Amino acid sequence: MPHLIICVLVSLFCFFTMSPSMVVAEGTTDGSSEAEGGYGEAKARIAAGDFAGAVAILGPMTVDQPENADAFNLLGFSNRKMGNLEAAAVAYKAALTINPSHLGALEYQGEMFVEMGELAMAQANLDKLQSLCGACEQAQDLKKALAG
């Protein structure tokens, strides 16, 4: 039994320290997704820059799991990175309808607003982020995007 516990702890350590997160900011999840199945694969594809591959996974996932704010957030992120701002906007709106306090969706939607020149809307997202989490990573990243 102790051997099993050690194996589980080592596996968890490896998963959390080696999981690809270079593109997806920490804290973008609200916990509505498990790091299993398609969601983990979508995150890996995003980290590898394969946004189309991530969309191919996340699109059906949001149909199967219509209350999964994390999946909608990453669907928006992937679409935005591919230049599909209309699809990104729909996905971010869905994520924030499910969870209005989703830090990742607020950041990424705000960054989309900056790309669109909608600076007042981006500032509104920053204000909400700061009220939710102060100077958290998401707020800092959006603040940098707004600064130009």
C-alpha atoms as a PDB file:
ATOM      1  CA  MET A   1       0.000   0.000   0.000  1.00  0.00           C
ATOM      2  CA  PRO A   2       2.746   2.576   0.776  1.00  0.00           C
ATOM      3  CA  HIS A   3       4.248   1.782  -2.639  1.00  0.00           C
ATOM      4  CA  LEU A   4       0.936   2.654  -4.316  1.00  0.00           C
ATOM      5  CA  ILE A   5       0.721   5.970  -2.454  1.00  0.00           C
ATOM      6  CA  ILE A   6       4.261   6.871  -3.483  1.00  0.00           C
ATOM      7  CA  CYS A   7       3.482   6.021  -7.112  1.00  0.00           C
ATOM      8  CA  VAL A   8       0.381   8.196  -7.056  1.00  0.00           C
ATOM      9  CA  LEU A   9       2.247  11.118  -5.492  1.00  0.00           C
ATOM     10  CA  VAL A  10       5.108  10.848  -7.983  1.00  0.00           C
ATOM     11  CA  SER A  11       2.621  10.677 -10.865  1.00  0.00           C
ATOM     12  CA  LEU A  12       0.804  13.769  -9.621  1.00  0.00           C
ATOM     13  CA  PHE A  13       4.092  15.631  -9.173  1.00  0.00           C
ATOM     14  CA  CYS A  14       5.151  14.779 -12.723  1.00  0.00           C
ATOM     15  CA  PHE A  15       1.763  15.727 -14.141  1.00  0.00           C
ATOM     16  CA  PHE A  16       1.686  19.137 -12.493  1.00  0.00           C
ATOM     17  CA  THR A  17       5.322  20.050 -13.004  1.00  0.00           C
ATOM     18  CA  MET A  18       5.673  18.768 -16.563  1.00  0.00           C
ATOM     19  CA  SER A  19       2.275  19.593 -17.995  1.00  0.00           C
ATOM     20  CA  PRO A  20       2.441  22.010 -20.913  1.00  0.00           C
ATOM     21  CA  SER A  21       1.425  25.457 -19.784  1.00  0.00           C
ATOM     22  CA  MET A  22       3.653  27.736 -21.778  1.00  0.00           C
ATOM     23  CA  VAL A  23       0.772  29.210 -23.765  1.00  0.00           C
ATOM     24  CA  VAL A  24      -2.161  28.823 -21.386  1.00  0.00           C
ATOM     25  CA  ALA A  25      -1.856  31.057 -18.336  1.00  0.00           C
ATOM     26  CA  GLU A  26      -2.087  29.471 -14.932  1.00  0.00           C
ATOM     27  CA  GLY A  27      -5.443  30.032 -13.287  1.00  0.00           C
ATOM     28  CA  THR A  28      -7.406  30.008 -16.512  1.00  0.00           C
ATOM     29  CA  THR A  29      -9.564  27.222 -15.177  1.00  0.00           C
ATOM     30  CA  ASP A  30     -12.438  27.488 -12.757  1.00  0.00           C
ATOM     31  CA  GLY A  31     -12.316  23.769 -12.025  1.00  0.00           C
ATOM     32  CA  SER A  32     -15.212  22.877 -14.318  1.00  0.00           C
ATOM     33  CA  SER A  33     -12.915  20.583 -16.313  1.00  0.00           C
ATOM     34  CA  GLU A  34     -11.038  17.565 -15.260  1.00  0.00           C
ATOM     35  CA  ALA A  35      -7.509  17.195 -16.598  1.00  0.00           C
ATOM     36  CA  GLU A  36      -8.565  13.942 -18.222  1.00  0.00           C
ATOM     37  CA  GLY A  37      -9.624  12.974 -21.671  1.00  0.00           C
ATOM     38  CA  GLY A  38     -10.075  15.625 -24.288  1.00  0.00           C
ATOM     39  CA  TYR A  39      -9.476  18.673 -22.108  1.00  0.00           C
ATOM     40  CA  GLY A  40      -5.931  17.656 -21.258  1.00  0.00           C
ATOM     41  CA  GLU A  41      -5.264  16.834 -24.906  1.00  0.00           C
ATOM     42  CA  ALA A  42      -6.648  20.225 -25.962  1.00  0.00           C
ATOM     43  CA  LYS A  43      -4.345  21.998 -23.494  1.00  0.00           C
ATOM     44  CA  ALA A  44      -1.395  20.024 -24.862  1.00  0.00           C
ATOM     45  CA  ARG A  45      -2.290  21.031 -28.414  1.00  0.00           C
ATOM     46  CA  ILE A  46      -2.577  24.674 -27.385  1.00  0.00           C
ATOM     47  CA  ALA A  47       0.823  24.505 -25.697  1.00  0.00           C
ATOM     48  CA  ALA A  48       2.221  23.096 -28.951  1.00  0.00           C
ATOM     49  CA  GLY A  49       0.616  25.902 -30.975  1.00  0.00           C
ATOM     50  CA  ASP A  50      -1.874  23.540 -32.634  1.00  0.00           C
ATOM     51  CA  PHE A  51      -4.925  25.746 -32.155  1.00  0.00           C
ATOM     52  CA  ALA A  52      -6.918  24.075 -34.938  1.00  0.00           C
ATOM     53  CA  GLY A  53      -6.333  20.724 -33.264  1.00  0.00           C
ATOM     54  CA  ALA A  54      -7.525  22.155 -29.962  1.00  0.00           C
ATOM     55  CA  VAL A  55     -10.676  23.555 -31.606  1.00  0.00           C
ATOM     56  CA  ALA A  56     -11.375  20.122 -33.117  1.00  0.00           C
ATOM     57  CA  ILE A  57     -11.399  18.700 -29.579  1.00  0.00           C
ATOM     58  CA  LEU A  58     -13.026  21.582 -27.712  1.00  0.00           C
ATOM     59  CA  GLY A  59     -15.885  22.209 -30.156  1.00  0.00           C
ATOM     60  CA  PRO A  60     -17.497  18.797 -29.623  1.00  0.00           C
ATOM     61  CA  MET A  61     -16.602  18.945 -25.917  1.00  0.00           C
ATOM     62  CA  THR A  62     -18.664  22.111 -25.451  1.00  0.00           C
ATOM     63  CA  VAL A  63     -21.629  20.403 -27.125  1.00  0.00           C
ATOM     64  CA  ASP A  64     -21.289  17.363 -24.846  1.00  0.00           C
ATOM     65  CA  GLN A  65     -20.549  19.490 -21.765  1.00  0.00           C
ATOM     66  CA  PRO A  66     -22.510  22.733 -22.193  1.00  0.00           C
ATOM     67  CA  GLU A  67     -21.727  23.846 -18.624  1.00  0.00           C
ATOM     68  CA  ASN A  68     -17.954  23.496 -19.001  1.00  0.00           C
ATOM     69  CA  ALA A  69     -16.686  27.073 -18.734  1.00  0.00           C
ATOM     70  CA  ASP A  70     -13.063  25.935 -19.035  1.00  0.00           C
ATOM     71  CA  ALA A  71     -13.689  24.249 -22.383  1.00  0.00           C
ATOM     72  CA  PHE A  72     -15.487  27.328 -23.733  1.00  0.00           C
ATOM     73  CA  ASN A  73     -12.635  29.536 -22.486  1.00  0.00           C
ATOM     74  CA  LEU A  74      -9.980  27.494 -24.270  1.00  0.00           C
ATOM     75  CA  LEU A  75     -12.190  27.267 -27.353  1.00  0.00           C
ATOM     76  CA  GLY A  76     -12.287  31.065 -27.374  1.00  0.00           C
ATOM     77  CA  PHE A  77      -8.538  31.298 -26.802  1.00  0.00           C
ATOM     78  CA  SER A  78      -7.788  28.884 -29.657  1.00  0.00           C
ATOM     79  CA  ASN A  79     -10.134  30.643 -32.057  1.00  0.00           C
ATOM     80  CA  ARG A  80      -8.665  34.026 -31.133  1.00  0.00           C
ATOM     81  CA  LYS A  81      -5.142  32.783 -31.754  1.00  0.00           C
ATOM     82  CA  MET A  82      -6.266  31.635 -35.225  1.00  0.00           C
ATOM     83  CA  GLY A  83      -7.826  35.043 -35.942  1.00  0.00           C
ATOM     84  CA  ASN A  84     -11.437  33.831 -35.664  1.00  0.00           C
ATOM     85  CA  LEU A  85     -12.569  36.675 -33.430  1.00  0.00           C
ATOM     86  CA  GLU A  86     -16.304  36.141 -33.962  1.00  0.00           C
ATOM     87  CA  ALA A  87     -16.061  32.510 -32.869  1.00  0.00           C
ATOM     88  CA  ALA A  88     -13.807  33.535 -29.975  1.00  0.00           C
ATOM     89  CA  ALA A  89     -16.323  36.144 -28.832  1.00  0.00           C
ATOM     90  CA  VAL A  90     -19.134  33.576 -28.799  1.00  0.00           C
ATOM     91  CA  ALA A  91     -17.030  31.116 -26.798  1.00  0.00           C
ATOM     92  CA  TYR A  92     -15.889  33.712 -24.236  1.00  0.00           C
ATOM     93  CA  LYS A  93     -19.479  34.897 -23.809  1.00  0.00           C
ATOM     94  CA  ALA A  94     -20.561  31.303 -23.153  1.00  0.00           C
ATOM     95  CA  ALA A  95     -17.764  30.783 -20.607  1.00  0.00           C
ATOM     96  CA  LEU A  96     -18.704  33.991 -18.789  1.00  0.00           C
ATOM     97  CA  THR A  97     -22.412  33.178 -18.891  1.00  0.00           C
ATOM     98  CA  ILE A  98     -21.636  29.889 -17.160  1.00  0.00           C
ATOM     99  CA  ASN A  99     -19.184  31.497 -14.728  1.00  0.00           C
ATOM    100  CA  PRO A 100     -19.112  35.326 -14.681  1.00  0.00           C
ATOM    101  CA  SER A 101     -16.028  35.218 -12.427  1.00  0.00           C
ATOM    102  CA  HIS A 102     -13.895  32.959 -14.657  1.00  0.00           C
ATOM    103  CA  LEU A 103     -10.500  34.658 -14.407  1.00  0.00           C
ATOM    104  CA  GLY A 104      -9.087  33.131 -17.575  1.00  0.00           C
ATOM    105  CA  ALA A 105     -12.104  34.013 -19.696  1.00  0.00           C
ATOM    106  CA  LEU A 106     -12.100  37.586 -18.388  1.00  0.00           C
ATOM    107  CA  GLU A 107      -8.421  37.950 -19.248  1.00  0.00           C
ATOM    108  CA  TYR A 108      -8.625  36.365 -22.682  1.00  0.00           C
ATOM    109  CA  GLN A 109     -11.829  38.170 -23.627  1.00  0.00           C
ATOM    110  CA  GLY A 110     -10.182  41.407 -22.523  1.00  0.00           C
ATOM    111  CA  GLU A 111      -7.172  40.658 -24.718  1.00  0.00           C
ATOM    112  CA  MET A 112      -9.559  40.035 -27.607  1.00  0.00           C
ATOM    113  CA  PHE A 113     -11.181  43.417 -26.934  1.00  0.00           C
ATOM    114  CA  VAL A 114      -7.724  45.036 -27.115  1.00  0.00           C
ATOM    115  CA  GLU A 115      -7.103  43.332 -30.478  1.00  0.00           C
ATOM    116  CA  MET A 116     -10.454  44.692 -31.687  1.00  0.00           C
ATOM    117  CA  GLY A 117      -9.705  48.223 -30.454  1.00  0.00           C
ATOM    118  CA  GLU A 118     -12.509  48.018 -27.886  1.00  0.00           C
ATOM    119  CA  LEU A 119     -10.364  49.482 -25.105  1.00  0.00           C
ATOM    120  CA  ALA A 120     -13.251  50.519 -22.835  1.00  0.00           C
ATOM    121  CA  MET A 121     -14.550  46.957 -22.847  1.00  0.00           C
ATOM    122  CA  ALA A 122     -11.059  45.603 -22.152  1.00  0.00           C
ATOM    123  CA  GLN A 123     -10.746  48.061 -19.257  1.00  0.00           C
ATOM    124  CA  ALA A 124     -14.085  46.835 -17.876  1.00  0.00           C
ATOM    125  CA  ASN A 125     -12.712  43.287 -17.887  1.00  0.00           C
ATOM    126  CA  LEU A 126      -9.542  44.486 -16.150  1.00  0.00           C
ATOM    127  CA  ASP A 127     -11.607  46.298 -13.513  1.00  0.00           C
ATOM    128  CA  LYS A 128     -13.613  43.140 -12.866  1.00  0.00           C
ATOM    129  CA  LEU A 129     -10.455  41.024 -12.673  1.00  0.00           C
ATOM    130  CA  GLN A 130      -8.898  43.428 -10.192  1.00  0.00           C
ATOM    131  CA  SER A 131     -12.041  43.353  -8.056  1.00  0.00           C
ATOM    132  CA  LEU A 132     -11.981  39.542  -8.089  1.00  0.00           C
ATOM    133  CA  CYS A 133      -8.295  38.811  -7.634  1.00  0.00           C
ATOM    134  CA  GLY A 134      -6.359  42.039  -7.131  1.00  0.00           C
ATOM    135  CA  ALA A 135      -3.042  41.936  -8.955  1.00  0.00           C
ATOM    136  CA  CYS A 136      -3.301  38.301 -10.009  1.00  0.00           C
ATOM    137  CA  GLU A 137      -1.546  37.007 -13.122  1.00  0.00           C
ATOM    138  CA  GLN A 138      -4.652  37.393 -15.287  1.00  0.00           C
ATOM    139  CA  ALA A 139      -5.102  41.031 -14.254  1.00  0.00           C
ATOM    140  CA  GLN A 140      -1.419  41.773 -14.815  1.00  0.00           C
ATOM    141  CA  ASP A 141      -1.453  40.155 -18.267  1.00  0.00           C
ATOM    142  CA  LEU A 142      -4.524  42.111 -19.349  1.00  0.00           C
ATOM    143  CA  LYS A 143      -3.071  45.321 -17.941  1.00  0.00           C
ATOM    144  CA  LYS A 144       0.061  44.763 -20.072  1.00  0.00           C
ATOM    145  CA  ALA A 145      -2.086  44.120 -23.156  1.00  0.00           C
ATOM    146  CA  LEU A 146      -3.977  47.371 -22.540  1.00  0.00           C
ATOM    147  CA  ALA A 147      -0.732  49.298 -22.092  1.00  0.00           C
ATOM    148  CA  GLY A 148       0.241  48.226 -25.541  1.00  0.00           C
END
